[in-house]
Amino acid sequence: MTNFKKVFEHKQSILRNRPDKTRVEVPVESKLVEAFRSHVKVRDFEVIVDQPSNMESTDQGPRPSEYVLAALAACHEVTYRLYADAMDIALDSVAVSVTGVSDAKGFFALDEETPAGFTEIFGTISIVSAASDSDIERLQQAVNRHCPVLDDLRRPVSVDLKIERVSAASKS
């Protein structure tokens, strides 16, 4: 198994010595192609985002909110792996399961006071480790402090989406 401590320390060194490298921009492009199915481009990857058939869509991929949960689970796993190695805490494996709870009244405008998105997310982090309880607690604190997706979900993030009118002839 790879130990990521060297990666962690190398990235820290680069970022300490090159403050111009600390800003990371992540461009994503999405296009609605059929019913509620979108093709999303992220780096060199294309993912499908869709709605289930009970929404009269094609059910060819997870819903956007399901990707939020997937991102949280996977980001937590990556952060546990990276920080366990960086902190010299034994971690043989990590798996995360999460559940999001929302109220459909918000999305379908049945109650303007009800949020459209998740009101609660809960889950379990399953680890295999010979580390002490205190080391696992230190690791959990570090992960909760440094997991990017958890951070995105816990604090307000500035979002500014502008409308750009495009002529029908330029649609492709």
C-alpha atoms as a PDB file:
ATOM      1  CA  MET A   1       0.000   0.000   0.000  1.00  0.00           C
ATOM      2  CA  THR A   2       1.239   3.476  -0.840  1.00  0.00           C
ATOM      3  CA  ASN A   3       2.085   5.846   1.975  1.00  0.00           C
ATOM      4  CA  PHE A   4       0.970   9.347   1.051  1.00  0.00           C
ATOM      5  CA  LYS A   5       3.030  11.188   3.657  1.00  0.00           C
ATOM      6  CA  LYS A   6       5.609  12.155   1.011  1.00  0.00           C
ATOM      7  CA  VAL A   7       2.859  13.503  -1.248  1.00  0.00           C
ATOM      8  CA  PHE A   8       1.427  15.516   1.655  1.00  0.00           C
ATOM      9  CA  GLU A   9       4.806  16.970   2.643  1.00  0.00           C
ATOM     10  CA  HIS A  10       5.770  17.672  -0.984  1.00  0.00           C
ATOM     11  CA  LYS A  11       2.521  19.577  -1.601  1.00  0.00           C
ATOM     12  CA  GLN A  12       2.969  21.524   1.651  1.00  0.00           C
ATOM     13  CA  SER A  13       6.489  22.485   0.595  1.00  0.00           C
ATOM     14  CA  ILE A  14       5.354  23.650  -2.843  1.00  0.00           C
ATOM     15  CA  LEU A  15       2.510  25.697  -1.381  1.00  0.00           C
ATOM     16  CA  ARG A  16       4.722  27.272   1.304  1.00  0.00           C
ATOM     17  CA  ASN A  17       7.314  28.287  -1.267  1.00  0.00           C
ATOM     18  CA  ARG A  18       4.930  29.204  -4.090  1.00  0.00           C
ATOM     19  CA  PRO A  19       1.949  31.136  -2.711  1.00  0.00           C
ATOM     20  CA  ASP A  20       0.868  31.764  -6.305  1.00  0.00           C
ATOM     21  CA  LYS A  21       0.063  28.022  -6.541  1.00  0.00           C
ATOM     22  CA  THR A  22      -2.427  27.937  -3.654  1.00  0.00           C
ATOM     23  CA  ARG A  23      -5.496  29.054  -5.655  1.00  0.00           C
ATOM     24  CA  VAL A  24      -7.202  26.108  -7.324  1.00  0.00           C
ATOM     25  CA  GLU A  25      -9.967  26.658  -9.855  1.00  0.00           C
ATOM     26  CA  VAL A  26     -12.135  23.692 -10.813  1.00  0.00           C
ATOM     27  CA  PRO A  27     -14.075  24.270 -14.035  1.00  0.00           C
ATOM     28  CA  VAL A  28     -17.088  22.076 -14.750  1.00  0.00           C
ATOM     29  CA  GLU A  29     -19.365  22.203 -17.787  1.00  0.00           C
ATOM     30  CA  SER A  30     -22.810  20.654 -17.927  1.00  0.00           C
ATOM     31  CA  LYS A  31     -25.378  20.365 -20.690  1.00  0.00           C
ATOM     32  CA  LEU A  32     -28.937  19.113 -20.402  1.00  0.00           C
ATOM     33  CA  VAL A  33     -29.306  16.596 -23.249  1.00  0.00           C
ATOM     34  CA  GLU A  34     -32.580  14.721 -22.748  1.00  0.00           C
ATOM     35  CA  ALA A  35     -35.403  14.982 -20.224  1.00  0.00           C
ATOM     36  CA  PHE A  36     -33.445  15.751 -17.019  1.00  0.00           C
ATOM     37  CA  ARG A  37     -30.231  13.980 -18.107  1.00  0.00           C
ATOM     38  CA  SER A  38     -27.110  16.137 -18.184  1.00  0.00           C
ATOM     39  CA  HIS A  39     -23.672  15.327 -19.501  1.00  0.00           C
ATOM     40  CA  VAL A  40     -21.094  16.925 -17.240  1.00  0.00           C
ATOM     41  CA  LYS A  41     -17.442  17.434 -18.141  1.00  0.00           C
ATOM     42  CA  VAL A  42     -14.918  17.513 -15.305  1.00  0.00           C
ATOM     43  CA  ARG A  43     -11.271  17.557 -16.418  1.00  0.00           C
ATOM     44  CA  ASP A  44     -11.013  14.656 -18.917  1.00  0.00           C
ATOM     45  CA  PHE A  45     -14.062  12.866 -17.520  1.00  0.00           C
ATOM     46  CA  GLU A  46     -17.694  12.903 -18.518  1.00  0.00           C
ATOM     47  CA  VAL A  47     -20.299  11.943 -15.972  1.00  0.00           C
ATOM     48  CA  ILE A  48     -24.021  11.571 -16.374  1.00  0.00           C
ATOM     49  CA  VAL A  49     -26.381  13.262 -13.981  1.00  0.00           C
ATOM     50  CA  ASP A  50     -30.035  12.351 -14.241  1.00  0.00           C
ATOM     51  CA  GLN A  51     -33.317  11.925 -12.445  1.00  0.00           C
ATOM     52  CA  PRO A  52     -35.120   8.638 -11.858  1.00  0.00           C
ATOM     53  CA  SER A  53     -37.886   7.325 -14.083  1.00  0.00           C
ATOM     54  CA  ASN A  54     -40.536   8.469 -11.588  1.00  0.00           C
ATOM     55  CA  MET A  55     -39.577  11.987 -12.722  1.00  0.00           C
ATOM     56  CA  GLU A  56     -40.124  10.934 -16.369  1.00  0.00           C
ATOM     57  CA  SER A  57     -36.392  11.002 -17.034  1.00  0.00           C
ATOM     58  CA  THR A  58     -33.973   8.376 -18.311  1.00  0.00           C
ATOM     59  CA  ASP A  59     -32.497   7.221 -14.941  1.00  0.00           C
ATOM     60  CA  GLN A  60     -29.019   6.882 -16.459  1.00  0.00           C
ATOM     61  CA  GLY A  61     -27.118   8.406 -13.552  1.00  0.00           C
ATOM     62  CA  PRO A  62     -27.371   9.692 -10.016  1.00  0.00           C
ATOM     63  CA  ARG A  63     -29.311  12.841  -9.194  1.00  0.00           C
ATOM     64  CA  PRO A  64     -27.245  15.988  -8.513  1.00  0.00           C
ATOM     65  CA  SER A  65     -27.893  15.725  -4.775  1.00  0.00           C
ATOM     66  CA  GLU A  66     -26.690  12.113  -4.806  1.00  0.00           C
ATOM     67  CA  TYR A  67     -23.400  13.344  -6.272  1.00  0.00           C
ATOM     68  CA  VAL A  68     -23.142  15.745  -3.330  1.00  0.00           C
ATOM     69  CA  LEU A  69     -23.368  12.771  -0.956  1.00  0.00           C
ATOM     70  CA  ALA A  70     -20.936  10.752  -3.082  1.00  0.00           C
ATOM     71  CA  ALA A  71     -18.511  13.676  -3.074  1.00  0.00           C
ATOM     72  CA  LEU A  72     -18.719  13.950   0.719  1.00  0.00           C
ATOM     73  CA  ALA A  73     -18.137  10.227   1.237  1.00  0.00           C
ATOM     74  CA  ALA A  74     -15.231   9.983  -1.218  1.00  0.00           C
ATOM     75  CA  CYS A  75     -13.632  13.233  -0.031  1.00  0.00           C
ATOM     76  CA  HIS A  76     -13.767  12.003   3.548  1.00  0.00           C
ATOM     77  CA  GLU A  77     -12.064   8.753   2.527  1.00  0.00           C
ATOM     78  CA  VAL A  78      -9.306  10.618   0.673  1.00  0.00           C
ATOM     79  CA  THR A  79      -8.799  13.007   3.575  1.00  0.00           C
ATOM     80  CA  TYR A  80      -8.665  10.147   6.109  1.00  0.00           C
ATOM     81  CA  ARG A  81      -6.092   8.315   3.966  1.00  0.00           C
ATOM     82  CA  LEU A  82      -3.941  11.396   3.411  1.00  0.00           C
ATOM     83  CA  TYR A  83      -4.014  12.639   7.003  1.00  0.00           C
ATOM     84  CA  ALA A  84      -3.529   9.200   8.545  1.00  0.00           C
ATOM     85  CA  ASP A  85      -0.320   8.852   6.562  1.00  0.00           C
ATOM     86  CA  ALA A  86       0.752  12.447   7.231  1.00  0.00           C
ATOM     87  CA  MET A  87       0.178  11.987  10.969  1.00  0.00           C
ATOM     88  CA  ASP A  88       1.807   8.526  11.070  1.00  0.00           C
ATOM     89  CA  ILE A  89      -1.454   6.928  12.223  1.00  0.00           C
ATOM     90  CA  ALA A  90      -1.987   3.354  11.083  1.00  0.00           C
ATOM     91  CA  LEU A  91      -5.028   3.077   8.830  1.00  0.00           C
ATOM     92  CA  ASP A  92      -5.572  -0.153   6.924  1.00  0.00           C
ATOM     93  CA  SER A  93      -8.849   0.857   5.313  1.00  0.00           C
ATOM     94  CA  VAL A  94     -11.611   3.438   5.414  1.00  0.00           C
ATOM     95  CA  ALA A  95     -15.142   3.391   4.001  1.00  0.00           C
ATOM     96  CA  VAL A  96     -17.855   5.991   4.393  1.00  0.00           C
ATOM     97  CA  SER A  97     -21.612   5.643   4.086  1.00  0.00           C
ATOM     98  CA  VAL A  98     -23.796   8.731   4.213  1.00  0.00           C
ATOM     99  CA  THR A  99     -27.499   9.450   3.978  1.00  0.00           C
ATOM    100  CA  GLY A 100     -29.047  12.782   3.116  1.00  0.00           C
ATOM    101  CA  VAL A 101     -32.513  13.795   4.233  1.00  0.00           C
ATOM    102  CA  SER A 102     -34.567  16.352   2.354  1.00  0.00           C
ATOM    103  CA  ASP A 103     -38.206  17.334   2.115  1.00  0.00           C
ATOM    104  CA  ALA A 104     -39.640  17.319  -1.421  1.00  0.00           C
ATOM    105  CA  LYS A 105     -41.992  20.165  -0.497  1.00  0.00           C
ATOM    106  CA  GLY A 106     -39.039  22.543  -0.878  1.00  0.00           C
ATOM    107  CA  PHE A 107     -38.039  21.454  -4.387  1.00  0.00           C
ATOM    108  CA  PHE A 108     -41.638  21.346  -5.630  1.00  0.00           C
ATOM    109  CA  ALA A 109     -42.540  24.749  -4.116  1.00  0.00           C
ATOM    110  CA  LEU A 110     -45.250  23.413  -1.821  1.00  0.00           C
ATOM    111  CA  ASP A 111     -43.827  25.281   1.155  1.00  0.00           C
ATOM    112  CA  GLU A 112     -41.586  28.309   0.684  1.00  0.00           C
ATOM    113  CA  GLU A 113     -40.148  27.823   4.203  1.00  0.00           C
ATOM    114  CA  THR A 114     -38.918  24.297   3.448  1.00  0.00           C
ATOM    115  CA  PRO A 115     -35.352  24.121   2.079  1.00  0.00           C
ATOM    116  CA  ALA A 116     -34.990  22.591  -1.382  1.00  0.00           C
ATOM    117  CA  GLY A 117     -31.850  20.675  -0.415  1.00  0.00           C
ATOM    118  CA  PHE A 118     -30.680  18.481   2.396  1.00  0.00           C
ATOM    119  CA  THR A 119     -31.614  19.436   5.918  1.00  0.00           C
ATOM    120  CA  GLU A 120     -29.606  16.631   7.449  1.00  0.00           C
ATOM    121  CA  ILE A 121     -26.733  14.390   6.449  1.00  0.00           C
ATOM    122  CA  PHE A 122     -25.598  11.550   8.675  1.00  0.00           C
ATOM    123  CA  GLY A 123     -23.391   8.554   8.237  1.00  0.00           C
ATOM    124  CA  THR A 124     -20.715   6.209   9.405  1.00  0.00           C
ATOM    125  CA  ILE A 125     -16.980   6.153   8.863  1.00  0.00           C
ATOM    126  CA  SER A 126     -15.767   2.551   9.044  1.00  0.00           C
ATOM    127  CA  ILE A 127     -12.059   2.160   9.627  1.00  0.00           C
ATOM    128  CA  VAL A 128      -9.685  -0.711  10.181  1.00  0.00           C
ATOM    129  CA  SER A 129      -6.800   0.473  12.303  1.00  0.00           C
ATOM    130  CA  ALA A 130      -4.513  -0.689  15.080  1.00  0.00           C
ATOM    131  CA  ALA A 131      -4.109   2.940  16.222  1.00  0.00           C
ATOM    132  CA  SER A 132      -5.111   4.043  19.699  1.00  0.00           C
ATOM    133  CA  ASP A 133      -8.459   5.696  20.355  1.00  0.00           C
ATOM    134  CA  SER A 134      -6.701   8.987  20.993  1.00  0.00           C
ATOM    135  CA  ASP A 135      -4.898   8.788  17.629  1.00  0.00           C
ATOM    136  CA  ILE A 136      -8.189   8.033  15.870  1.00  0.00           C
ATOM    137  CA  GLU A 137      -9.759  11.024  17.641  1.00  0.00           C
ATOM    138  CA  ARG A 138      -6.870  13.265  16.503  1.00  0.00           C
ATOM    139  CA  LEU A 139      -7.277  11.929  12.979  1.00  0.00           C
ATOM    140  CA  GLN A 140     -11.018  12.565  12.996  1.00  0.00           C
ATOM    141  CA  GLN A 141     -10.475  16.136  14.182  1.00  0.00           C
ATOM    142  CA  ALA A 142      -7.929  16.733  11.412  1.00  0.00           C
ATOM    143  CA  VAL A 143     -10.246  15.283   8.768  1.00  0.00           C
ATOM    144  CA  ASN A 144     -13.219  17.313   9.990  1.00  0.00           C
ATOM    145  CA  ARG A 145     -11.051  20.438   9.825  1.00  0.00           C
ATOM    146  CA  HIS A 146      -9.522  19.780   6.384  1.00  0.00           C
ATOM    147  CA  CYS A 147     -12.029  17.797   4.260  1.00  0.00           C
ATOM    148  CA  PRO A 148     -12.907  20.206   1.398  1.00  0.00           C
ATOM    149  CA  VAL A 149     -16.406  18.876   0.691  1.00  0.00           C
ATOM    150  CA  LEU A 150     -17.324  18.804   4.376  1.00  0.00           C
ATOM    151  CA  ASP A 151     -16.094  22.393   4.587  1.00  0.00           C
ATOM    152  CA  ASP A 152     -18.204  23.344   1.544  1.00  0.00           C
ATOM    153  CA  LEU A 153     -21.299  21.875   3.178  1.00  0.00           C
ATOM    154  CA  ARG A 154     -20.737  23.391   6.616  1.00  0.00           C
ATOM    155  CA  ARG A 155     -20.209  27.021   5.713  1.00  0.00           C
ATOM    156  CA  PRO A 156     -21.763  29.429   3.269  1.00  0.00           C
ATOM    157  CA  VAL A 157     -19.991  29.499  -0.096  1.00  0.00           C
ATOM    158  CA  SER A 158     -20.268  32.477  -2.418  1.00  0.00           C
ATOM    159  CA  VAL A 159     -22.121  31.423  -5.575  1.00  0.00           C
ATOM    160  CA  ASP A 160     -22.667  33.818  -8.471  1.00  0.00           C
ATOM    161  CA  LEU A 161     -24.361  32.343 -11.554  1.00  0.00           C
ATOM    162  CA  LYS A 162     -25.158  34.757 -14.361  1.00  0.00           C
ATOM    163  CA  ILE A 163     -27.626  34.261 -17.190  1.00  0.00           C
ATOM    164  CA  GLU A 164     -26.163  34.399 -20.689  1.00  0.00           C
ATOM    165  CA  ARG A 165     -28.666  34.417 -23.515  1.00  0.00           C
ATOM    166  CA  VAL A 166     -27.479  32.360 -26.455  1.00  0.00           C
ATOM    167  CA  SER A 167     -29.097  32.335 -29.891  1.00  0.00           C
ATOM    168  CA  ALA A 168     -30.823  29.127 -30.924  1.00  0.00           C
ATOM    169  CA  ALA A 169     -28.484  28.881 -33.918  1.00  0.00           C
ATOM    170  CA  SER A 170     -25.426  28.611 -31.655  1.00  0.00           C
ATOM    171  CA  LYS A 171     -26.862  25.751 -29.551  1.00  0.00           C
ATOM    172  CA  SER A 172     -25.148  22.460 -30.184  1.00  0.00           C
END
